[in-house]
Amino acid sequence: MQNYEVEIKALLGTPEKADAIRSALKKIDPSCEILSRNKQLNHYFTGGSLENLVEVVRTHLTPEAASRLDSMAANAKEYSVRTRDKDGQVLLVVKVSVGSDTSSNGVARMEFEEWVQLTLEELDALVLTAGFTYQAKWSREREEYVCNGTNITLDKNAGYGWLAEFERVVDDESKVAGARADIESLMQTVGAKELPQDRLERMFTFYNAHWPEYYGTEKIFIVE
């Protein structure tokens, strides 16, 4: 079964604005507590092909996971490949665009996220052998919450500062529009403003061009 990730980002910037979101979530749902706090390294790749990627990682995936990735590879028009170290847990992440959204930053995407028994360096090496090259390396600290059926993360990203992501995952493309409407309603209630896709793309492009200056640091840039 393919999952569809519906995610809307809000640029917060400062710790004070992140605190305001935490308070608003608690006011809406008193049972809303932090579920996890972790540090992540995320490596983005460009080029290559999903068909080649499936072949080089197949022996490190379950048969079910490999089958899902095969299906995505056969139907993908635009995709984003990433590797992630989440407090020592290493994952392969592939996101495929739905409709006109981009695979890197779109609102609605098919997603593949699977744990592998490799180090981040070992998984990166496999991705590179599939013809991909590094696009950028990202670092962040993440807090995870759930409020009224929506997953919310507060991320302190190198380069971006504080960013909130509101996400729902559905199992059918016909449910994407409804999930987006639910997220927009929650964001309005907590005072979070959607980060426009064109500005997000400009920020993403700037970071990709300058990532060695920011990766692993607390430095922040502003791109309007």
Protein backbone atom coordinates (compact mmCIF):
# COMPACT_ATOMS: atom_id res chain seq x y z
CA MET A 1 0.00 0.00 0.00
CA GLN A 2 1.32 3.44 -0.95
CA ASN A 3 1.07 6.26 1.54
CA TYR A 4 0.53 9.91 0.64
CA GLU A 5 2.17 12.52 2.82
CA VAL A 6 0.35 15.86 3.08
CA GLU A 7 2.67 18.37 4.71
CA ILE A 8 2.55 22.14 5.08
CA LYS A 9 5.48 24.13 6.45
CA ALA A 10 5.48 27.35 8.46
CA LEU A 11 8.66 29.37 8.92
CA LEU A 12 8.94 30.45 12.57
CA GLY A 13 12.51 31.67 12.75
CA THR A 14 12.83 32.50 16.44
CA PRO A 15 12.62 30.32 19.59
CA GLU A 16 9.85 32.61 20.88
CA LYS A 17 7.62 31.77 17.91
CA ALA A 18 8.30 28.06 18.45
CA ASP A 19 7.21 28.51 22.09
CA ALA A 20 3.99 30.18 20.89
CA ILE A 21 3.16 27.14 18.73
CA ARG A 22 3.83 24.76 21.65
CA SER A 23 1.48 26.78 23.87
CA ALA A 24 -1.24 26.95 21.21
CA LEU A 25 -1.14 23.18 20.63
CA LYS A 26 -1.48 22.58 24.38
CA LYS A 27 -4.42 24.97 24.58
CA ILE A 28 -6.25 23.14 21.79
CA ASP A 29 -5.46 19.69 23.17
CA PRO A 30 -4.35 19.55 26.84
CA SER A 31 -3.11 15.99 26.28
CA CYS A 32 -0.70 17.15 23.58
CA GLU A 33 2.81 16.42 24.83
CA ILE A 34 6.16 16.09 23.13
CA LEU A 35 6.47 12.54 21.77
CA SER A 36 10.15 12.58 20.92
CA ARG A 37 13.14 14.83 20.61
CA ASN A 38 16.01 13.85 18.33
CA LYS A 39 18.94 15.10 16.29
CA GLN A 40 19.11 14.35 12.59
CA LEU A 41 21.53 14.44 9.70
CA ASN A 42 19.77 14.46 6.33
CA HIS A 43 21.68 14.01 3.10
CA TYR A 44 19.91 14.95 -0.15
CA PHE A 45 20.87 13.50 -3.53
CA THR A 46 20.31 14.43 -7.16
CA GLY A 47 20.66 12.61 -10.49
CA GLY A 48 20.61 8.82 -10.71
CA SER A 49 17.52 6.66 -11.23
CA LEU A 50 15.13 5.01 -8.81
CA GLU A 51 15.40 1.74 -10.76
CA ASN A 52 19.15 1.62 -10.10
CA LEU A 53 18.62 2.63 -6.47
CA VAL A 54 16.18 -0.23 -5.88
CA GLU A 55 18.71 -2.74 -7.17
CA VAL A 56 21.62 -1.57 -5.01
CA VAL A 57 19.57 -1.42 -1.79
CA ARG A 58 17.26 -4.39 -2.38
CA THR A 59 19.18 -6.81 -0.14
CA HIS A 60 18.95 -4.31 2.73
CA LEU A 61 15.15 -3.99 2.54
CA THR A 62 12.30 -6.33 3.43
CA PRO A 63 10.55 -7.89 0.39
CA GLU A 64 7.49 -5.75 1.09
CA ALA A 65 9.53 -2.54 1.24
CA ALA A 66 11.42 -3.42 -1.93
CA SER A 67 8.12 -4.07 -3.71
CA ARG A 68 6.79 -0.64 -2.67
CA LEU A 69 9.96 1.05 -3.89
CA ASP A 70 9.73 -0.89 -7.18
CA SER A 71 6.20 0.45 -7.66
CA MET A 72 7.26 4.03 -6.93
CA ALA A 73 10.21 3.73 -9.32
CA ALA A 74 7.95 2.50 -12.10
CA ASN A 75 5.57 5.46 -11.78
CA ALA A 76 7.73 8.35 -10.59
CA LYS A 77 8.08 11.46 -12.74
CA GLU A 78 9.82 13.59 -10.13
CA TYR A 79 11.42 12.25 -6.99
CA SER A 80 13.71 13.16 -4.11
CA VAL A 81 16.19 10.70 -2.54
CA ARG A 82 17.57 11.23 0.96
CA THR A 83 19.44 9.36 3.66
CA ARG A 84 18.88 10.12 7.33
CA ASP A 85 20.62 9.46 10.62
CA LYS A 86 18.08 9.89 13.43
CA ASP A 87 19.95 9.51 16.71
CA GLY A 88 21.89 6.59 15.22
CA GLN A 89 18.96 5.02 13.36
CA VAL A 90 19.65 5.13 9.61
CA LEU A 91 16.83 5.44 7.08
CA LEU A 92 16.41 5.56 3.31
CA VAL A 93 13.83 8.17 2.32
CA VAL A 94 12.27 8.59 -1.12
CA LYS A 95 9.53 11.13 -1.90
CA VAL A 96 7.63 11.18 -5.19
CA SER A 97 5.60 14.19 -6.27
CA VAL A 98 1.81 14.07 -6.60
CA GLY A 99 0.33 16.34 -9.27
CA SER A 100 2.20 19.60 -9.75
CA ASP A 101 3.97 19.60 -6.36
CA THR A 102 7.73 19.17 -6.21
CA SER A 103 9.21 16.04 -4.72
CA SER A 104 11.60 18.03 -2.50
CA ASN A 105 9.20 20.49 -0.90
CA GLY A 106 5.69 19.80 -2.18
CA VAL A 107 2.57 19.68 -0.05
CA ALA A 108 1.40 16.25 -1.30
CA ARG A 109 3.85 13.42 -1.98
CA MET A 110 4.07 9.65 -1.92
CA GLU A 111 6.66 8.70 0.65
CA PHE A 112 8.97 5.78 1.32
CA GLU A 113 10.87 5.72 4.60
CA GLU A 114 12.61 2.54 5.71
CA TRP A 115 15.18 1.68 8.35
CA VAL A 116 18.30 -0.11 7.13
CA GLN A 117 21.01 -1.88 9.10
CA LEU A 118 23.80 0.27 7.73
CA THR A 119 25.72 3.33 8.84
CA LEU A 120 24.87 6.63 7.18
CA GLU A 121 28.20 6.50 5.34
CA GLU A 122 27.50 2.95 4.07
CA LEU A 123 24.02 3.87 2.85
CA ASP A 124 25.34 7.03 1.18
CA ALA A 125 27.92 4.93 -0.64
CA LEU A 126 25.19 2.66 -2.05
CA VAL A 127 23.15 5.64 -3.23
CA LEU A 128 26.21 7.09 -4.95
CA THR A 129 26.84 3.80 -6.78
CA ALA A 130 23.31 4.09 -8.23
CA GLY A 131 24.44 7.21 -10.11
CA PHE A 132 23.36 9.87 -7.64
CA THR A 133 25.50 12.75 -6.39
CA TYR A 134 25.22 14.84 -3.23
CA GLN A 135 22.87 17.81 -3.50
CA ALA A 136 23.31 19.03 0.07
CA LYS A 137 23.72 17.90 3.66
CA TRP A 138 21.33 19.18 6.33
CA SER A 139 21.35 19.05 10.14
CA ARG A 140 18.50 19.70 12.55
CA GLU A 141 17.05 19.14 15.99
CA ARG A 142 13.44 17.91 15.91
CA GLU A 143 10.54 17.80 18.36
CA GLU A 144 7.50 15.67 17.47
CA TYR A 145 3.88 16.17 18.59
CA VAL A 146 0.39 14.95 17.63
CA CYS A 147 -2.63 17.26 17.92
CA ASN A 148 -6.14 16.38 16.75
CA GLY A 149 -4.85 13.68 14.42
CA THR A 150 -2.18 15.85 12.83
CA ASN A 151 1.54 15.21 13.25
CA ILE A 152 3.47 18.37 14.07
CA THR A 153 7.21 18.76 14.16
CA LEU A 154 9.18 21.74 15.40
CA ASP A 155 12.57 21.77 13.75
CA LYS A 156 15.62 23.85 14.53
CA ASN A 157 17.33 23.71 11.14
CA ALA A 158 20.80 24.85 10.23
CA GLY A 159 20.29 27.79 7.89
CA TYR A 160 16.50 28.07 8.27
CA GLY A 161 16.13 28.54 12.02
CA TRP A 162 12.88 27.25 13.56
CA LEU A 163 10.38 25.65 11.18
CA ALA A 164 7.06 23.94 11.90
CA GLU A 165 5.73 21.11 9.75
CA PHE A 166 2.09 19.98 9.93
CA GLU A 167 1.55 16.56 8.40
CA ARG A 168 -1.09 13.94 7.79
CA VAL A 169 -0.50 10.61 6.03
CA VAL A 170 -3.35 9.06 4.04
CA ASP A 171 -3.62 5.79 2.15
CA ASP A 172 -5.44 7.03 -0.95
CA GLU A 173 -4.85 10.00 -3.25
CA SER A 174 -8.56 10.88 -3.05
CA LYS A 175 -8.06 11.77 0.63
CA VAL A 176 -5.28 14.31 0.00
CA ALA A 177 -7.52 17.36 -0.39
CA GLY A 178 -9.40 16.61 2.83
CA ALA A 179 -6.16 16.12 4.75
CA ARG A 180 -4.87 19.45 3.48
CA ALA A 181 -8.06 21.21 4.58
CA ASP A 182 -7.75 19.73 8.08
CA ILE A 183 -4.14 20.89 8.33
CA GLU A 184 -4.97 24.40 7.15
CA SER A 185 -7.71 24.65 9.76
CA LEU A 186 -5.34 23.61 12.55
CA MET A 187 -2.63 26.00 11.37
CA GLN A 188 -5.08 28.89 11.37
CA THR A 189 -6.13 28.02 14.93
CA VAL A 190 -2.55 27.98 16.27
CA GLY A 191 -1.49 31.08 14.31
CA ALA A 192 0.92 29.35 11.92
CA LYS A 193 1.21 30.85 8.43
CA GLU A 194 1.98 28.60 5.47
CA LEU A 195 5.41 29.19 3.97
CA PRO A 196 4.73 29.90 0.27
CA GLN A 197 6.17 27.28 -2.07
CA ASP A 198 8.05 29.83 -4.17
CA ARG A 199 9.85 31.25 -1.14
CA LEU A 200 10.54 27.74 0.16
CA GLU A 201 12.09 26.84 -3.19
CA ARG A 202 14.30 29.96 -3.06
CA MET A 203 15.44 29.05 0.45
CA PHE A 204 16.09 25.47 -0.63
CA THR A 205 18.10 26.62 -3.64
CA PHE A 206 20.16 29.04 -1.54
CA TYR A 207 20.93 26.40 1.07
CA ASN A 208 21.95 23.86 -1.60
CA ALA A 209 24.43 26.38 -3.00
CA HIS A 210 25.92 27.25 0.41
CA TRP A 211 25.32 24.19 2.60
CA PRO A 212 28.96 23.68 3.73
CA GLU A 213 28.68 27.03 5.55
CA TYR A 214 25.63 25.90 7.56
CA TYR A 215 25.70 22.10 7.97
CA GLY A 216 26.21 21.25 11.64
CA THR A 217 26.06 24.89 12.77
CA GLU A 218 23.42 27.24 14.22
CA LYS A 219 23.93 29.87 11.51
CA ILE A 220 20.77 31.25 9.91
CA PHE A 221 20.13 33.05 6.60
CA ILE A 222 17.11 35.03 5.40
CA VAL A 223 15.79 34.68 1.86
CA GLU A 224 12.61 36.58 1.00
